[in-house]
C-alpha atoms as a PDB file:
ATOM      1  CA  MET A   1      28.842  28.007  61.841  1.00  0.00           C
ATOM      2  CA  LYS A   2      31.839  25.949  62.105  1.00  0.00           C
ATOM      3  CA  LYS A   3      34.610  26.360  59.393  1.00  0.00           C
ATOM      4  CA  MET A   4      36.845  23.670  58.127  1.00  0.00           C
ATOM      5  CA  VAL A   5      40.223  24.200  56.279  1.00  0.00           C
ATOM      6  CA  ILE A   6      40.380  22.104  53.001  1.00  0.00           C
ATOM      7  CA  SER A   7      43.837  21.025  51.862  1.00  0.00           C
ATOM      8  CA  THR A   8      45.084  18.622  49.246  1.00  0.00           C
ATOM      9  CA  LYS A   9      48.413  17.682  47.636  1.00  0.00           C
ATOM     10  CA  ALA A  10      46.580  17.345  44.299  1.00  0.00           C
ATOM     11  CA  ALA A  11      46.531  21.084  44.124  1.00  0.00           C
ATOM     12  CA  PRO A  12      49.180  23.691  44.688  1.00  0.00           C
ATOM     13  CA  ALA A  13      50.079  24.527  48.238  1.00  0.00           C
ATOM     14  CA  ALA A  14      49.284  28.099  49.267  1.00  0.00           C
ATOM     15  CA  ILE A  15      51.913  30.575  48.546  1.00  0.00           C
ATOM     16  CA  GLY A  16      50.922  32.769  51.358  1.00  0.00           C
ATOM     17  CA  PRO A  17      48.994  32.942  54.560  1.00  0.00           C
ATOM     18  CA  TYR A  18      45.746  31.480  53.244  1.00  0.00           C
ATOM     19  CA  SER A  19      43.970  28.100  52.880  1.00  0.00           C
ATOM     20  CA  GLN A  20      43.448  26.418  49.570  1.00  0.00           C
ATOM     21  CA  ALA A  21      39.728  26.371  50.510  1.00  0.00           C
ATOM     22  CA  ILE A  22      37.414  26.822  53.485  1.00  0.00           C
ATOM     23  CA  LYS A  23      34.162  24.777  53.930  1.00  0.00           C
ATOM     24  CA  ALA A  24      31.471  26.671  56.040  1.00  0.00           C
ATOM     25  CA  GLY A  25      28.194  25.146  56.345  1.00  0.00           C
ATOM     26  CA  ASN A  26      27.111  23.760  52.865  1.00  0.00           C
ATOM     27  CA  LEU A  27      29.561  26.204  51.071  1.00  0.00           C
ATOM     28  CA  VAL A  28      33.125  25.757  49.888  1.00  0.00           C
ATOM     29  CA  PHE A  29      35.112  29.005  49.211  1.00  0.00           C
ATOM     30  CA  VAL A  30      38.119  28.152  47.036  1.00  0.00           C
ATOM     31  CA  SER A  31      41.017  30.584  47.002  1.00  0.00           C
ATOM     32  CA  GLY A  32      42.274  31.940  43.628  1.00  0.00           C
ATOM     33  CA  GLN A  33      44.141  29.334  41.754  1.00  0.00           C
ATOM     34  CA  ILE A  34      46.993  29.956  39.413  1.00  0.00           C
ATOM     35  CA  PRO A  35      48.605  27.551  36.882  1.00  0.00           C
ATOM     36  CA  ILE A  36      51.051  25.870  39.310  1.00  0.00           C
ATOM     37  CA  ILE A  37      51.687  22.239  38.656  1.00  0.00           C
ATOM     38  CA  PRO A  38      50.917  20.511  42.097  1.00  0.00           C
ATOM     39  CA  GLU A  39      53.558  17.767  41.691  1.00  0.00           C
ATOM     40  CA  THR A  40      56.484  20.126  41.138  1.00  0.00           C
ATOM     41  CA  GLY A  41      55.374  23.467  42.444  1.00  0.00           C
ATOM     42  CA  GLU A  42      56.512  24.984  39.042  1.00  0.00           C
ATOM     43  CA  THR A  43      54.498  27.600  37.285  1.00  0.00           C
ATOM     44  CA  LEU A  44      53.050  26.256  34.049  1.00  0.00           C
ATOM     45  CA  GLN A  45      54.346  28.166  31.038  1.00  0.00           C
ATOM     46  CA  GLY A  46      52.122  28.697  27.969  1.00  0.00           C
ATOM     47  CA  ASP A  47      49.345  30.857  26.673  1.00  0.00           C
ATOM     48  CA  ALA A  48      46.157  31.710  28.492  1.00  0.00           C
ATOM     49  CA  ALA A  49      44.385  28.579  27.313  1.00  0.00           C
ATOM     50  CA  VAL A  50      47.056  26.289  28.645  1.00  0.00           C
ATOM     51  CA  GLN A  51      47.146  28.090  31.883  1.00  0.00           C
ATOM     52  CA  THR A  52      43.441  28.034  32.243  1.00  0.00           C
ATOM     53  CA  ARG A  53      43.233  24.359  31.863  1.00  0.00           C
ATOM     54  CA  GLN A  54      45.840  23.936  34.720  1.00  0.00           C
ATOM     55  CA  VAL A  55      43.967  26.421  36.937  1.00  0.00           C
ATOM     56  CA  LEU A  56      40.647  24.561  36.410  1.00  0.00           C
ATOM     57  CA  ASN A  57      42.269  21.206  37.046  1.00  0.00           C
ATOM     58  CA  ASN A  58      43.659  22.597  40.443  1.00  0.00           C
ATOM     59  CA  LEU A  59      40.239  24.008  41.182  1.00  0.00           C
ATOM     60  CA  ARG A  60      38.564  20.684  40.489  1.00  0.00           C
ATOM     61  CA  ASN A  61      41.109  18.827  42.678  1.00  0.00           C
ATOM     62  CA  ILE A  62      40.357  21.163  45.659  1.00  0.00           C
ATOM     63  CA  LEU A  63      36.674  20.755  45.212  1.00  0.00           C
ATOM     64  CA  ASP A  64      37.085  16.999  45.217  1.00  0.00           C
ATOM     65  CA  ALA A  65      39.013  17.181  48.441  1.00  0.00           C
ATOM     66  CA  ALA A  66      36.067  19.220  49.881  1.00  0.00           C
ATOM     67  CA  GLY A  67      33.554  16.568  48.868  1.00  0.00           C
ATOM     68  CA  THR A  68      32.000  18.510  46.082  1.00  0.00           C
ATOM     69  CA  SER A  69      32.640  19.082  42.362  1.00  0.00           C
ATOM     70  CA  LEU A  70      32.698  21.581  39.467  1.00  0.00           C
ATOM     71  CA  ASP A  71      29.014  20.764  38.864  1.00  0.00           C
ATOM     72  CA  LYS A  72      28.170  22.424  42.187  1.00  0.00           C
ATOM     73  CA  VAL A  73      30.104  25.601  41.603  1.00  0.00           C
ATOM     74  CA  VAL A  74      27.755  28.569  41.860  1.00  0.00           C
ATOM     75  CA  LYS A  75      30.150  31.541  41.293  1.00  0.00           C
ATOM     76  CA  THR A  76      33.598  32.096  39.829  1.00  0.00           C
ATOM     77  CA  THR A  77      35.694  35.124  39.525  1.00  0.00           C
ATOM     78  CA  ILE A  78      38.297  35.200  36.802  1.00  0.00           C
ATOM     79  CA  PHE A  79      41.275  37.500  36.966  1.00  0.00           C
ATOM     80  CA  MET A  80      43.096  37.942  33.635  1.00  0.00           C
ATOM     81  CA  LYS A  81      46.249  39.829  32.897  1.00  0.00           C
ATOM     82  CA  ASP A  82      44.786  40.592  29.396  1.00  0.00           C
ATOM     83  CA  LEU A  83      41.132  40.626  28.440  1.00  0.00           C
ATOM     84  CA  ASN A  84      42.213  39.989  24.855  1.00  0.00           C
ATOM     85  CA  ASP A  85      42.483  36.345  26.176  1.00  0.00           C
ATOM     86  CA  TYR A  86      38.800  36.314  26.970  1.00  0.00           C
ATOM     87  CA  ALA A  87      37.778  34.045  24.063  1.00  0.00           C
ATOM     88  CA  ALA A  88      40.697  31.528  24.685  1.00  0.00           C
ATOM     89  CA  VAL A  89      39.825  31.377  28.358  1.00  0.00           C
ATOM     90  CA  ASN A  90      36.036  30.841  27.440  1.00  0.00           C
ATOM     91  CA  ASP A  91      37.003  28.005  25.096  1.00  0.00           C
ATOM     92  CA  VAL A  92      38.587  26.034  27.905  1.00  0.00           C
ATOM     93  CA  TYR A  93      36.215  27.113  30.642  1.00  0.00           C
ATOM     94  CA  LYS A  94      33.165  25.739  28.761  1.00  0.00           C
ATOM     95  CA  GLU A  95      34.866  22.351  28.722  1.00  0.00           C
ATOM     96  CA  PHE A  96      34.849  22.284  32.474  1.00  0.00           C
ATOM     97  CA  PHE A  97      31.439  23.912  32.955  1.00  0.00           C
ATOM     98  CA  GLN A  98      29.271  22.337  30.231  1.00  0.00           C
ATOM     99  CA  ASN A  99      25.916  22.185  31.931  1.00  0.00           C
ATOM    100  CA  GLU A 100      24.425  25.179  33.886  1.00  0.00           C
ATOM    101  CA  PRO A 101      27.632  27.141  34.243  1.00  0.00           C
ATOM    102  CA  PRO A 102      27.988  29.222  37.365  1.00  0.00           C
ATOM    103  CA  ALA A 103      27.534  32.879  37.727  1.00  0.00           C
ATOM    104  CA  ARG A 104      30.837  34.644  36.861  1.00  0.00           C
ATOM    105  CA  ALA A 105      32.828  37.772  36.781  1.00  0.00           C
ATOM    106  CA  ALA A 106      35.857  38.359  34.626  1.00  0.00           C
ATOM    107  CA  VAL A 107      38.179  41.284  35.115  1.00  0.00           C
ATOM    108  CA  GLN A 108      41.497  42.448  33.872  1.00  0.00           C
ATOM    109  CA  VAL A 109      44.093  43.102  36.513  1.00  0.00           C
ATOM    110  CA  SER A 110      47.591  44.646  36.225  1.00  0.00           C
ATOM    111  CA  ARG A 111      49.472  41.779  37.696  1.00  0.00           C
ATOM    112  CA  LEU A 112      48.961  38.320  39.198  1.00  0.00           C
ATOM    113  CA  PRO A 113      51.119  36.189  41.473  1.00  0.00           C
ATOM    114  CA  LYS A 114      54.115  34.762  39.702  1.00  0.00           C
ATOM    115  CA  ASP A 115      53.190  36.896  36.670  1.00  0.00           C
ATOM    116  CA  VAL A 116      50.721  34.313  35.346  1.00  0.00           C
ATOM    117  CA  ALA A 117      48.047  35.070  32.790  1.00  0.00           C
ATOM    118  CA  ILE A 118      45.114  33.928  34.855  1.00  0.00           C
ATOM    119  CA  GLU A 119      43.699  33.236  38.333  1.00  0.00           C
ATOM    120  CA  ILE A 120      40.275  31.805  39.209  1.00  0.00           C
ATOM    121  CA  GLU A 121      38.494  31.682  42.518  1.00  0.00           C
ATOM    122  CA  ALA A 122      35.168  29.807  43.103  1.00  0.00           C
ATOM    123  CA  ILE A 123      32.313  29.185  45.577  1.00  0.00           C
ATOM    124  CA  ALA A 124      30.513  25.791  45.431  1.00  0.00           C
ATOM    125  CA  THR A 125      27.779  24.097  47.351  1.00  0.00           C
ATOM    126  CA  THR A 126      28.207  20.660  49.022  1.00  0.00           C
ATOM    127  CA  GLY A 127      24.510  19.667  48.798  1.00  0.00           C
END
């Protein structure tokens, strides 16, 4: 199966040796996204809800570049600095995944890149 690197300026550039996403067959694997503003490269400050919105916008832009969409996401993993933010994250998350939300895991981690509150990775289909 051939793999294709997905890259877009509408989402933050990778801050390490990885791709924004990889398309393999009819699947797209999106690397964990953090609340970086693509136009400036700056980390968005704010609470978990504000950061979640930026993360999901970045995720949507990468999926668009891969020829798919949030509607075709089948699995996400949410990494949170504090599980006390779970309700706030869910409030924003459900705005982006209104119908048939994907399977999901949410875990608390001790630290995330750039000390952000949240990171989300996703797997989507293209068909």
